[in-house]
């Protein structure tokens, strides 16, 4: 695969990742304390939080 072509996909992945992080951060900022605790527990049980 041509390196420029591959780089285009990597950049798209990085842009998508940054967009998802931004959306998740915005959503988390608006959660109530019980919602945050539930999210934390869920992430902890799935080993996303260490």
PDB file of N, CA and C in Angstrom:
ATOM      1  N   UNK A   1       0.853  -1.182   0.000  1.00  0.00           N
ATOM      2  CA  UNK A   1       0.000   0.000   0.000  1.00  0.00           C
ATOM      3  C   UNK A   1       0.893   1.238   0.000  1.00  0.00           C
ATOM      4  N   UNK A   2       0.548   2.192  -0.805  1.00  0.00           N
ATOM      5  CA  UNK A   2       1.299   3.440  -0.892  1.00  0.00           C
ATOM      6  C   UNK A   2       1.286   4.140   0.464  1.00  0.00           C
ATOM      7  N   UNK A   3       2.433   4.674   0.890  1.00  0.00           N
ATOM      8  CA  UNK A   3       2.531   5.274   2.227  1.00  0.00           C
ATOM      9  C   UNK A   3       1.623   6.490   2.378  1.00  0.00           C
ATOM     10  N   UNK A   4       1.415   7.281   1.298  1.00  0.00           N
ATOM     11  CA  UNK A   4       0.509   8.431   1.373  1.00  0.00           C
ATOM     12  C   UNK A   4      -0.926   7.970   1.578  1.00  0.00           C
ATOM     13  N   UNK A   5      -1.297   6.892   0.890  1.00  0.00           N
ATOM     14  CA  UNK A   5      -2.643   6.346   1.006  1.00  0.00           C
ATOM     15  C   UNK A   5      -2.877   5.818   2.416  1.00  0.00           C
ATOM     16  N   UNK A   6      -1.911   5.094   2.943  1.00  0.00           N
ATOM     17  CA  UNK A   6      -2.009   4.565   4.302  1.00  0.00           C
ATOM     18  C   UNK A   6      -2.073   5.712   5.314  1.00  0.00           C
ATOM     19  N   UNK A   7      -1.265   6.732   5.116  1.00  0.00           N
ATOM     20  CA  UNK A   7      -1.259   7.883   6.006  1.00  0.00           C
ATOM     21  C   UNK A   7      -2.595   8.589   6.057  1.00  0.00           C
ATOM     22  N   UNK A   8      -3.312   8.586   4.928  1.00  0.00           N
ATOM     23  CA  UNK A   8      -4.633   9.210   4.880  1.00  0.00           C
ATOM     24  C   UNK A   8      -5.593   8.488   5.823  1.00  0.00           C
ATOM     25  N   UNK A   9      -5.548   7.158   5.824  1.00  0.00           N
ATOM     26  CA  UNK A   9      -6.424   6.397   6.708  1.00  0.00           C
ATOM     27  C   UNK A   9      -6.022   6.575   8.161  1.00  0.00           C
ATOM     28  N   UNK A  10      -4.740   6.605   8.443  1.00  0.00           N
ATOM     29  CA  UNK A  10      -4.288   6.812   9.818  1.00  0.00           C
ATOM     30  C   UNK A  10      -4.727   8.175  10.318  1.00  0.00           C
ATOM     31  N   UNK A  11      -4.652   9.193   9.474  1.00  0.00           N
ATOM     32  CA  UNK A  11      -5.078  10.525   9.861  1.00  0.00           C
ATOM     33  C   UNK A  11      -6.585  10.533  10.108  1.00  0.00           C
ATOM     34  N   UNK A  12      -7.343   9.859   9.236  1.00  0.00           N
ATOM     35  CA  UNK A  12      -8.785   9.778   9.433  1.00  0.00           C
ATOM     36  C   UNK A  12      -9.116   9.096  10.750  1.00  0.00           C
ATOM     37  N   UNK A  13      -8.391   8.030  11.085  1.00  0.00           N
ATOM     38  CA  UNK A  13      -8.598   7.339  12.352  1.00  0.00           C
ATOM     39  C   UNK A  13      -8.284   8.256  13.528  1.00  0.00           C
ATOM     40  N   UNK A  14      -7.214   9.008  13.433  1.00  0.00           N
ATOM     41  CA  UNK A  14      -6.835   9.921  14.512  1.00  0.00           C
ATOM     42  C   UNK A  14      -7.869  11.025  14.676  1.00  0.00           C
ATOM     43  N   UNK A  15      -8.382  11.539  13.551  1.00  0.00           N
ATOM     44  CA  UNK A  15      -9.409  12.582  13.617  1.00  0.00           C
ATOM     45  C   UNK A  15     -10.695  12.030  14.218  1.00  0.00           C
ATOM     46  N   UNK A  16     -11.075  10.829  13.832  1.00  0.00           N
ATOM     47  CA  UNK A  16     -12.285  10.196  14.374  1.00  0.00           C
ATOM     48  C   UNK A  16     -12.120   9.940  15.859  1.00  0.00           C
ATOM     49  N   UNK A  17     -10.945   9.480  16.265  1.00  0.00           N
ATOM     50  CA  UNK A  17     -10.675   9.215  17.677  1.00  0.00           C
ATOM     51  C   UNK A  17     -10.780  10.509  18.483  1.00  0.00           C
ATOM     52  N   UNK A  18     -10.187  11.581  17.978  1.00  0.00           N
ATOM     53  CA  UNK A  18     -10.242  12.872  18.669  1.00  0.00           C
ATOM     54  C   UNK A  18     -11.682  13.370  18.779  1.00  0.00           C
ATOM     55  N   UNK A  19     -12.467  13.174  17.719  1.00  0.00           N
ATOM     56  CA  UNK A  19     -13.872  13.586  17.740  1.00  0.00           C
ATOM     57  C   UNK A  19     -14.663  12.793  18.777  1.00  0.00           C
ATOM     58  N   UNK A  20     -14.429  11.488  18.829  1.00  0.00           N
ATOM     59  CA  UNK A  20     -15.126  10.651  19.808  1.00  0.00           C
ATOM     60  C   UNK A  20     -14.747  11.035  21.233  1.00  0.00           C
ATOM     61  N   UNK A  21     -13.481  11.288  21.476  1.00  0.00           N
ATOM     62  CA  UNK A  21     -13.037  11.697  22.810  1.00  0.00           C
ATOM     63  C   UNK A  21     -13.711  13.007  23.208  1.00  0.00           C
ATOM     64  N   UNK A  22     -13.770  13.950  22.281  1.00  0.00           N
ATOM     65  CA  UNK A  22     -14.406  15.235  22.564  1.00  0.00           C
ATOM     66  C   UNK A  22     -15.876  15.051  22.920  1.00  0.00           C
ATOM     67  N   UNK A  23     -16.582  14.220  22.172  1.00  0.00           N
ATOM     68  CA  UNK A  23     -18.002  13.969  22.438  1.00  0.00           C
ATOM     69  C   UNK A  23     -18.200  13.273  23.780  1.00  0.00           C
ATOM     70  N   UNK A  24     -17.346  12.312  24.081  1.00  0.00           N
ATOM     71  CA  UNK A  24     -17.449  11.594  25.351  1.00  0.00           C
ATOM     72  C   UNK A  24     -17.159  12.539  26.517  1.00  0.00           C
ATOM     73  N   UNK A  25     -16.115  13.355  26.387  1.00  0.00           N
ATOM     74  CA  UNK A  25     -15.793  14.325  27.445  1.00  0.00           C
ATOM     75  C   UNK A  25     -16.966  15.259  27.696  1.00  0.00           C
ATOM     76  N   UNK A  26     -17.577  15.759  26.646  1.00  0.00           N
ATOM     77  CA  UNK A  26     -18.718  16.671  26.787  1.00  0.00           C
ATOM     78  C   UNK A  26     -19.879  15.973  27.505  1.00  0.00           C
ATOM     79  N   UNK A  27     -20.145  14.733  27.130  1.00  0.00           N
ATOM     80  CA  UNK A  27     -21.241  13.979  27.750  1.00  0.00           C
ATOM     81  C   UNK A  27     -20.962  13.712  29.222  1.00  0.00           C
ATOM     82  N   UNK A  28     -19.745  13.335  29.546  1.00  0.00           N
ATOM     83  CA  UNK A  28     -19.377  13.018  30.926  1.00  0.00           C
ATOM     84  C   UNK A  28     -19.491  14.261  31.814  1.00  0.00           C
ATOM     85  N   UNK A  29     -19.137  15.417  31.264  1.00  0.00           N
ATOM     86  CA  UNK A  29     -19.224  16.659  32.030  1.00  0.00           C
ATOM     87  C   UNK A  29     -20.653  16.966  32.469  1.00  0.00           C
ATOM     88  N   UNK A  30     -21.637  16.437  31.754  1.00  0.00           N
ATOM     89  CA  UNK A  30     -23.039  16.732  32.049  1.00  0.00           C
ATOM     90  C   UNK A  30     -23.735  15.655  32.881  1.00  0.00           C
ATOM     91  N   UNK A  31     -23.012  14.613  33.275  1.00  0.00           N
ATOM     92  CA  UNK A  31     -23.612  13.544  34.071  1.00  0.00           C
ATOM     93  C   UNK A  31     -23.761  13.968  35.532  1.00  0.00           C
ATOM     94  N   UNK A  32     -24.776  13.414  36.175  1.00  0.00           N
ATOM     95  CA  UNK A  32     -24.950  13.624  37.616  1.00  0.00           C
ATOM     96  C   UNK A  32     -23.970  12.722  38.359  1.00  0.00           C
ATOM     97  N   UNK A  33     -23.821  12.957  39.642  1.00  0.00           N
ATOM     98  CA  UNK A  33     -22.915  12.123  40.445  1.00  0.00           C
ATOM     99  C   UNK A  33     -23.324  10.650  40.402  1.00  0.00           C
ATOM    100  N   UNK A  34     -24.598  10.309  40.592  1.00  0.00           N
ATOM    101  CA  UNK A  34     -24.965   8.884  40.493  1.00  0.00           C
ATOM    102  C   UNK A  34     -24.676   8.285  39.111  1.00  0.00           C
ATOM    103  N   UNK A  35     -24.882   9.070  38.062  1.00  0.00           N
ATOM    104  CA  UNK A  35     -24.578   8.586  36.715  1.00  0.00           C
ATOM    105  C   UNK A  35     -23.084   8.373  36.544  1.00  0.00           C
ATOM    106  N   UNK A  36     -22.278   9.291  37.072  1.00  0.00           N
ATOM    107  CA  UNK A  36     -20.821   9.140  37.003  1.00  0.00           C
ATOM    108  C   UNK A  36     -20.356   7.909  37.766  1.00  0.00           C
ATOM    109  N   UNK A  37     -20.948   7.700  38.938  1.00  0.00           N
ATOM    110  CA  UNK A  37     -20.580   6.522  39.731  1.00  0.00           C
ATOM    111  C   UNK A  37     -20.949   5.238  38.997  1.00  0.00           C
ATOM    112  N   UNK A  38     -22.119   5.209  38.361  1.00  0.00           N
ATOM    113  CA  UNK A  38     -22.538   4.029  37.604  1.00  0.00           C
ATOM    114  C   UNK A  38     -21.608   3.790  36.417  1.00  0.00           C
ATOM    115  N   UNK A  39     -21.263   4.864  35.731  1.00  0.00           N
ATOM    116  CA  UNK A  39     -20.342   4.746  34.599  1.00  0.00           C
ATOM    117  C   UNK A  39     -18.978   4.248  35.067  1.00  0.00           C
ATOM    118  N   UNK A  40     -18.488   4.803  36.151  1.00  0.00           N
ATOM    119  CA  UNK A  40     -17.197   4.381  36.697  1.00  0.00           C
ATOM    120  C   UNK A  40     -17.218   2.897  37.054  1.00  0.00           C
ATOM    121  N   UNK A  41     -18.273   2.464  37.725  1.00  0.00           N
ATOM    122  CA  UNK A  41     -18.382   1.057  38.120  1.00  0.00           C
ATOM    123  C   UNK A  41     -18.405   0.155  36.887  1.00  0.00           C
ATOM    124  N   UNK A  42     -19.187   0.548  35.887  1.00  0.00           N
ATOM    125  CA  UNK A  42     -19.267  -0.235  34.655  1.00  0.00           C
ATOM    126  C   UNK A  42     -17.905  -0.324  33.974  1.00  0.00           C
ATOM    127  N   UNK A  43     -17.204   0.799  33.881  1.00  0.00           N
ATOM    128  CA  UNK A  43     -15.882   0.812  33.254  1.00  0.00           C
ATOM    129  C   UNK A  43     -14.883  -0.004  34.075  1.00  0.00           C
ATOM    130  N   UNK A  44     -15.008   0.077  35.389  1.00  0.00           N
ATOM    131  CA  UNK A  44     -14.111  -0.675  36.266  1.00  0.00           C
ATOM    132  C   UNK A  44     -14.296  -2.177  36.092  1.00  0.00           C
ATOM    133  N   UNK A  45     -15.561  -2.613  36.021  1.00  0.00           N
ATOM    134  CA  UNK A  45     -15.827  -4.050  35.881  1.00  0.00           C
ATOM    135  C   UNK A  45     -15.407  -4.572  34.514  1.00  0.00           C
ATOM    136  N   UNK A  46     -15.347  -3.693  33.527  1.00  0.00           N
ATOM    137  CA  UNK A  46     -14.890  -4.092  32.181  1.00  0.00           C
ATOM    138  C   UNK A  46     -13.399  -3.887  32.003  1.00  0.00           C
ATOM    139  N   UNK A  47     -12.735  -3.498  33.085  1.00  0.00           N
ATOM    140  CA  UNK A  47     -11.278  -3.297  33.099  1.00  0.00           C
ATOM    141  C   UNK A  47     -10.825  -2.159  32.196  1.00  0.00           C
ATOM    142  N   UNK A  48     -11.696  -1.153  31.978  1.00  0.00           N
ATOM    143  CA  UNK A  48     -11.311   0.040  31.226  1.00  0.00           C
ATOM    144  C   UNK A  48     -10.595   1.040  32.117  1.00  0.00           C
ATOM    145  N   UNK A  49     -10.856   0.949  33.414  1.00  0.00           N
ATOM    146  CA  UNK A  49     -10.243   1.848  34.405  1.00  0.00           C
ATOM    147  C   UNK A  49      -9.355   0.980  35.280  1.00  0.00           C
ATOM    148  N   UNK A  50      -8.143   1.429  35.456  1.00  0.00           N
ATOM    149  CA  UNK A  50      -7.201   0.651  36.289  1.00  0.00           C
ATOM    150  C   UNK A  50      -6.753   1.467  37.473  1.00  0.00           C
TER     151      UNK A  50
END
